[in-house]
């Protein structure tokens, strides 16, 4: 009686196969092996081409590994790492992440007890966490009421500016989600 193999479920002679049936079961086993091996034939492709393709895939895999690891590497900074100018507070909720390839993203929350000066630098990002040039984001200011959109700029020197059409009243907070590449 044929016994199936563990991985490919091929019919093979079992320990109870009678001698007069052994030839038929060995033939069935050989044909099953042939069919299984044919399924690995890549539709009749030249074996040298298949080997070259496998070698190329292995090289790609070895090459991509460090790049994927770099993307997964994440550093974070919080309010303690961001220099705030006098009158500005970087809130606890601020958290920025940077991947190993230099992509910065996160949430920035700033507040002031006096007016945000339109165009004035309110805080500065540390070295290594700055874009190569100016990046602009829609941010929102509020004072317990409806939030109003403003323009938040992150400059190449790390300076963070807030632009609005008029002076922004006391005790305002400014929040923004930012993302940019550092190079």
C-alpha atoms as a PDB file:
ATOM      1  CA  UNK A   1       0.000   0.000   0.000  1.00  0.00           C
ATOM      2  CA  UNK A   2       1.380   3.445  -0.980  1.00  0.00           C
ATOM      3  CA  UNK A   3       2.299   5.796   1.840  1.00  0.00           C
ATOM      4  CA  UNK A   4       2.307   9.593   1.070  1.00  0.00           C
ATOM      5  CA  UNK A   5       5.537  11.524   1.746  1.00  0.00           C
ATOM      6  CA  UNK A   6       5.497  14.244   4.379  1.00  0.00           C
ATOM      7  CA  UNK A   7       6.162  17.408   2.335  1.00  0.00           C
ATOM      8  CA  UNK A   8       5.008  16.801  -1.226  1.00  0.00           C
ATOM      9  CA  UNK A   9       2.452  14.067  -0.534  1.00  0.00           C
ATOM     10  CA  UNK A  10       4.079  11.742  -3.085  1.00  0.00           C
ATOM     11  CA  UNK A  11       2.879   8.127  -3.131  1.00  0.00           C
ATOM     12  CA  UNK A  12       5.767   5.922  -2.026  1.00  0.00           C
ATOM     13  CA  UNK A  13       6.012   2.244  -1.190  1.00  0.00           C
ATOM     14  CA  UNK A  14       5.162   1.618   2.425  1.00  0.00           C
ATOM     15  CA  UNK A  15       6.413  -1.006   4.860  1.00  0.00           C
ATOM     16  CA  UNK A  16       3.400  -3.223   4.138  1.00  0.00           C
ATOM     17  CA  UNK A  17       3.710  -3.149   0.339  1.00  0.00           C
ATOM     18  CA  UNK A  18       3.691  -6.752  -0.993  1.00  0.00           C
ATOM     19  CA  UNK A  19       6.624  -7.652  -3.240  1.00  0.00           C
ATOM     20  CA  UNK A  20       4.345  -8.269  -6.228  1.00  0.00           C
ATOM     21  CA  UNK A  21       3.017  -4.664  -5.989  1.00  0.00           C
ATOM     22  CA  UNK A  22       6.399  -3.017  -5.327  1.00  0.00           C
ATOM     23  CA  UNK A  23       7.137  -2.413  -9.027  1.00  0.00           C
ATOM     24  CA  UNK A  24       3.839  -0.562  -9.588  1.00  0.00           C
ATOM     25  CA  UNK A  25       4.294   1.587  -6.467  1.00  0.00           C
ATOM     26  CA  UNK A  26       7.889   2.420  -7.376  1.00  0.00           C
ATOM     27  CA  UNK A  27       6.706   3.433 -10.857  1.00  0.00           C
ATOM     28  CA  UNK A  28       3.951   5.643  -9.354  1.00  0.00           C
ATOM     29  CA  UNK A  29       6.517   7.109  -6.935  1.00  0.00           C
ATOM     30  CA  UNK A  30       8.964   7.876  -9.780  1.00  0.00           C
ATOM     31  CA  UNK A  31       6.222   9.503 -11.857  1.00  0.00           C
ATOM     32  CA  UNK A  32       5.156  11.639  -8.863  1.00  0.00           C
ATOM     33  CA  UNK A  33       8.772  12.751  -8.356  1.00  0.00           C
ATOM     34  CA  UNK A  34       9.019  13.588 -12.053  1.00  0.00           C
ATOM     35  CA  UNK A  35       5.794  15.650 -11.889  1.00  0.00           C
ATOM     36  CA  UNK A  36       6.957  17.465  -8.748  1.00  0.00           C
ATOM     37  CA  UNK A  37      10.365  18.282 -10.232  1.00  0.00           C
ATOM     38  CA  UNK A  38       8.698  19.482 -13.435  1.00  0.00           C
ATOM     39  CA  UNK A  39       6.699  21.996 -11.364  1.00  0.00           C
ATOM     40  CA  UNK A  40      10.063  23.544 -10.369  1.00  0.00           C
ATOM     41  CA  UNK A  41      11.120  23.780 -14.019  1.00  0.00           C
ATOM     42  CA  UNK A  42      10.055  27.433 -14.474  1.00  0.00           C
ATOM     43  CA  UNK A  43       8.100  26.480 -17.612  1.00  0.00           C
ATOM     44  CA  UNK A  44      11.038  24.910 -19.394  1.00  0.00           C
ATOM     45  CA  UNK A  45      13.399  27.847 -18.923  1.00  0.00           C
ATOM     46  CA  UNK A  46      17.107  27.334 -19.463  1.00  0.00           C
ATOM     47  CA  UNK A  47      18.577  26.111 -16.141  1.00  0.00           C
ATOM     48  CA  UNK A  48      21.492  28.545 -16.508  1.00  0.00           C
ATOM     49  CA  UNK A  49      19.030  31.460 -16.773  1.00  0.00           C
ATOM     50  CA  UNK A  50      17.119  30.226 -13.736  1.00  0.00           C
ATOM     51  CA  UNK A  51      20.385  29.957 -11.773  1.00  0.00           C
ATOM     52  CA  UNK A  52      21.387  33.474 -12.887  1.00  0.00           C
ATOM     53  CA  UNK A  53      18.003  34.819 -11.817  1.00  0.00           C
ATOM     54  CA  UNK A  54      18.266  33.167  -8.406  1.00  0.00           C
ATOM     55  CA  UNK A  55      21.803  34.595  -8.003  1.00  0.00           C
ATOM     56  CA  UNK A  56      20.517  38.073  -8.940  1.00  0.00           C
ATOM     57  CA  UNK A  57      17.689  37.781  -6.410  1.00  0.00           C
ATOM     58  CA  UNK A  58      20.130  36.700  -3.701  1.00  0.00           C
ATOM     59  CA  UNK A  59      22.378  39.687  -4.498  1.00  0.00           C
ATOM     60  CA  UNK A  60      19.364  42.025  -4.407  1.00  0.00           C
ATOM     61  CA  UNK A  61      18.279  40.568  -1.067  1.00  0.00           C
ATOM     62  CA  UNK A  62      21.764  41.094   0.406  1.00  0.00           C
ATOM     63  CA  UNK A  63      21.834  44.647  -0.948  1.00  0.00           C
ATOM     64  CA  UNK A  64      18.351  45.675   0.193  1.00  0.00           C
ATOM     65  CA  UNK A  65      18.724  44.361   3.753  1.00  0.00           C
ATOM     66  CA  UNK A  66      20.760  47.306   5.115  1.00  0.00           C
ATOM     67  CA  UNK A  67      18.458  49.780   3.351  1.00  0.00           C
ATOM     68  CA  UNK A  68      15.362  48.271   4.931  1.00  0.00           C
ATOM     69  CA  UNK A  69      17.111  48.319   8.309  1.00  0.00           C
ATOM     70  CA  UNK A  70      17.904  52.015   7.803  1.00  0.00           C
ATOM     71  CA  UNK A  71      14.251  52.759   7.126  1.00  0.00           C
ATOM     72  CA  UNK A  72      13.227  50.909  10.260  1.00  0.00           C
ATOM     73  CA  UNK A  73      15.771  52.681  12.485  1.00  0.00           C
ATOM     74  CA  UNK A  74      13.919  55.435  14.273  1.00  0.00           C
ATOM     75  CA  UNK A  75      15.239  58.168  16.522  1.00  0.00           C
ATOM     76  CA  UNK A  76      12.913  60.488  18.424  1.00  0.00           C
ATOM     77  CA  UNK A  77      13.167  63.929  19.917  1.00  0.00           C
ATOM     78  CA  UNK A  78      10.820  65.655  22.296  1.00  0.00           C
ATOM     79  CA  UNK A  79      10.443  69.188  23.603  1.00  0.00           C
ATOM     80  CA  UNK A  80      13.745  68.949  25.488  1.00  0.00           C
ATOM     81  CA  UNK A  81      15.667  68.818  22.195  1.00  0.00           C
ATOM     82  CA  UNK A  82      13.972  71.808  20.571  1.00  0.00           C
ATOM     83  CA  UNK A  83      15.266  75.248  21.534  1.00  0.00           C
ATOM     84  CA  UNK A  84      12.381  77.613  22.159  1.00  0.00           C
ATOM     85  CA  UNK A  85      12.800  81.367  21.913  1.00  0.00           C
ATOM     86  CA  UNK A  86      11.809  83.602  24.850  1.00  0.00           C
ATOM     87  CA  UNK A  87       8.047  83.575  25.395  1.00  0.00           C
ATOM     88  CA  UNK A  88       7.536  80.302  23.498  1.00  0.00           C
ATOM     89  CA  UNK A  89       6.907  76.950  25.151  1.00  0.00           C
ATOM     90  CA  UNK A  90       7.336  73.646  23.353  1.00  0.00           C
ATOM     91  CA  UNK A  91       4.556  71.439  24.736  1.00  0.00           C
ATOM     92  CA  UNK A  92       4.971  67.914  26.121  1.00  0.00           C
ATOM     93  CA  UNK A  93       2.855  66.557  23.243  1.00  0.00           C
ATOM     94  CA  UNK A  94       5.595  67.475  20.751  1.00  0.00           C
ATOM     95  CA  UNK A  95       7.264  64.384  19.324  1.00  0.00           C
ATOM     96  CA  UNK A  96       9.306  64.062  16.152  1.00  0.00           C
ATOM     97  CA  UNK A  97      10.679  60.834  14.674  1.00  0.00           C
ATOM     98  CA  UNK A  98      13.500  60.379  12.179  1.00  0.00           C
ATOM     99  CA  UNK A  99      14.143  57.242  10.147  1.00  0.00           C
ATOM    100  CA  UNK A 100      17.635  56.016   9.426  1.00  0.00           C
ATOM    101  CA  UNK A 101      17.488  57.529   5.945  1.00  0.00           C
ATOM    102  CA  UNK A 102      16.737  61.008   7.344  1.00  0.00           C
ATOM    103  CA  UNK A 103      12.970  61.344   7.000  1.00  0.00           C
ATOM    104  CA  UNK A 104      11.524  63.474   9.833  1.00  0.00           C
ATOM    105  CA  UNK A 105       7.852  63.379  10.761  1.00  0.00           C
ATOM    106  CA  UNK A 106       5.741  64.119  13.779  1.00  0.00           C
ATOM    107  CA  UNK A 107       3.640  66.533  15.792  1.00  0.00           C
ATOM    108  CA  UNK A 108       4.706  69.984  16.927  1.00  0.00           C
ATOM    109  CA  UNK A 109       2.797  71.941  19.592  1.00  0.00           C
ATOM    110  CA  UNK A 110       3.925  75.440  20.581  1.00  0.00           C
ATOM    111  CA  UNK A 111       2.369  78.026  22.859  1.00  0.00           C
ATOM    112  CA  UNK A 112       3.047  81.625  23.859  1.00  0.00           C
ATOM    113  CA  UNK A 113       1.802  83.938  26.568  1.00  0.00           C
ATOM    114  CA  UNK A 114       2.234  86.939  24.269  1.00  0.00           C
ATOM    115  CA  UNK A 115       1.406  87.394  20.606  1.00  0.00           C
ATOM    116  CA  UNK A 116       3.032  85.136  18.081  1.00  0.00           C
ATOM    117  CA  UNK A 117       5.019  87.619  16.051  1.00  0.00           C
ATOM    118  CA  UNK A 118       4.090  87.027  12.409  1.00  0.00           C
ATOM    119  CA  UNK A 119       7.252  85.744  10.740  1.00  0.00           C
ATOM    120  CA  UNK A 120       9.306  85.678  13.917  1.00  0.00           C
ATOM    121  CA  UNK A 121      11.325  82.578  14.794  1.00  0.00           C
ATOM    122  CA  UNK A 122       9.646  80.876  17.757  1.00  0.00           C
ATOM    123  CA  UNK A 123      11.818  77.765  18.089  1.00  0.00           C
ATOM    124  CA  UNK A 124      14.776  75.983  16.485  1.00  0.00           C
ATOM    125  CA  UNK A 125      15.231  72.319  15.589  1.00  0.00           C
ATOM    126  CA  UNK A 126      18.577  70.682  16.476  1.00  0.00           C
ATOM    127  CA  UNK A 127      21.250  69.840  13.904  1.00  0.00           C
ATOM    128  CA  UNK A 128      20.484  66.685  11.978  1.00  0.00           C
ATOM    129  CA  UNK A 129      16.741  67.341  12.258  1.00  0.00           C
ATOM    130  CA  UNK A 130      16.521  70.202   9.759  1.00  0.00           C
ATOM    131  CA  UNK A 131      15.389  70.258   6.118  1.00  0.00           C
ATOM    132  CA  UNK A 132      17.901  71.340   3.455  1.00  0.00           C
ATOM    133  CA  UNK A 133      15.791  74.436   2.753  1.00  0.00           C
ATOM    134  CA  UNK A 134      12.443  75.966   3.737  1.00  0.00           C
ATOM    135  CA  UNK A 135       9.478  73.612   4.146  1.00  0.00           C
ATOM    136  CA  UNK A 136       5.981  75.003   4.701  1.00  0.00           C
ATOM    137  CA  UNK A 137       3.055  73.397   6.533  1.00  0.00           C
ATOM    138  CA  UNK A 138      -0.504  74.329   7.373  1.00  0.00           C
ATOM    139  CA  UNK A 139      -0.698  74.758  11.132  1.00  0.00           C
ATOM    140  CA  UNK A 140      -3.549  75.805  13.386  1.00  0.00           C
ATOM    141  CA  UNK A 141      -3.689  78.368  16.166  1.00  0.00           C
ATOM    142  CA  UNK A 142      -6.376  78.392  18.798  1.00  0.00           C
ATOM    143  CA  UNK A 143      -7.350  80.022  22.068  1.00  0.00           C
ATOM    144  CA  UNK A 144     -10.069  77.709  23.226  1.00  0.00           C
ATOM    145  CA  UNK A 145     -12.236  78.634  20.259  1.00  0.00           C
ATOM    146  CA  UNK A 146     -12.268  77.519  16.665  1.00  0.00           C
ATOM    147  CA  UNK A 147      -8.826  76.843  15.261  1.00  0.00           C
ATOM    148  CA  UNK A 148      -7.551  79.169  12.538  1.00  0.00           C
ATOM    149  CA  UNK A 149      -5.120  78.071   9.839  1.00  0.00           C
ATOM    150  CA  UNK A 150      -1.683  79.689   9.686  1.00  0.00           C
ATOM    151  CA  UNK A 151       1.500  78.963   7.765  1.00  0.00           C
ATOM    152  CA  UNK A 152       4.322  77.272   9.673  1.00  0.00           C
ATOM    153  CA  UNK A 153       7.785  77.284   8.106  1.00  0.00           C
ATOM    154  CA  UNK A 154      10.699  75.074   9.049  1.00  0.00           C
ATOM    155  CA  UNK A 155      13.869  76.608   7.646  1.00  0.00           C
ATOM    156  CA  UNK A 156      17.172  75.033   6.661  1.00  0.00           C
ATOM    157  CA  UNK A 157      18.824  76.590   9.725  1.00  0.00           C
ATOM    158  CA  UNK A 158      16.207  74.875  11.942  1.00  0.00           C
ATOM    159  CA  UNK A 159      14.241  78.051  12.603  1.00  0.00           C
ATOM    160  CA  UNK A 160      10.486  77.616  12.988  1.00  0.00           C
ATOM    161  CA  UNK A 161       8.349  80.573  11.906  1.00  0.00           C
ATOM    162  CA  UNK A 162       4.607  81.137  12.041  1.00  0.00           C
ATOM    163  CA  UNK A 163       2.901  83.390   9.512  1.00  0.00           C
ATOM    164  CA  UNK A 164      -0.647  84.716   9.776  1.00  0.00           C
ATOM    165  CA  UNK A 165      -2.587  87.575   8.256  1.00  0.00           C
ATOM    166  CA  UNK A 166      -2.761  89.543  11.516  1.00  0.00           C
ATOM    167  CA  UNK A 167      -1.241  89.529  14.982  1.00  0.00           C
ATOM    168  CA  UNK A 168      -2.318  86.473  16.913  1.00  0.00           C
ATOM    169  CA  UNK A 169      -3.869  87.129  20.326  1.00  0.00           C
ATOM    170  CA  UNK A 170      -2.247  86.207  23.661  1.00  0.00           C
ATOM    171  CA  UNK A 171      -2.200  82.674  25.047  1.00  0.00           C
ATOM    172  CA  UNK A 172      -2.427  81.028  21.665  1.00  0.00           C
ATOM    173  CA  UNK A 173      -1.250  77.566  20.826  1.00  0.00           C
ATOM    174  CA  UNK A 174       0.007  76.469  17.444  1.00  0.00           C
ATOM    175  CA  UNK A 175      -0.119  72.837  16.338  1.00  0.00           C
ATOM    176  CA  UNK A 176       1.119  71.173  13.174  1.00  0.00           C
ATOM    177  CA  UNK A 177       1.957  67.803  11.732  1.00  0.00           C
ATOM    178  CA  UNK A 178       5.238  68.122   9.858  1.00  0.00           C
ATOM    179  CA  UNK A 179       7.246  65.823   7.608  1.00  0.00           C
ATOM    180  CA  UNK A 180      10.321  66.361   5.482  1.00  0.00           C
ATOM    181  CA  UNK A 181      13.604  64.812   4.418  1.00  0.00           C
ATOM    182  CA  UNK A 182      16.798  66.121   5.984  1.00  0.00           C
ATOM    183  CA  UNK A 183      18.704  65.879   2.696  1.00  0.00           C
END
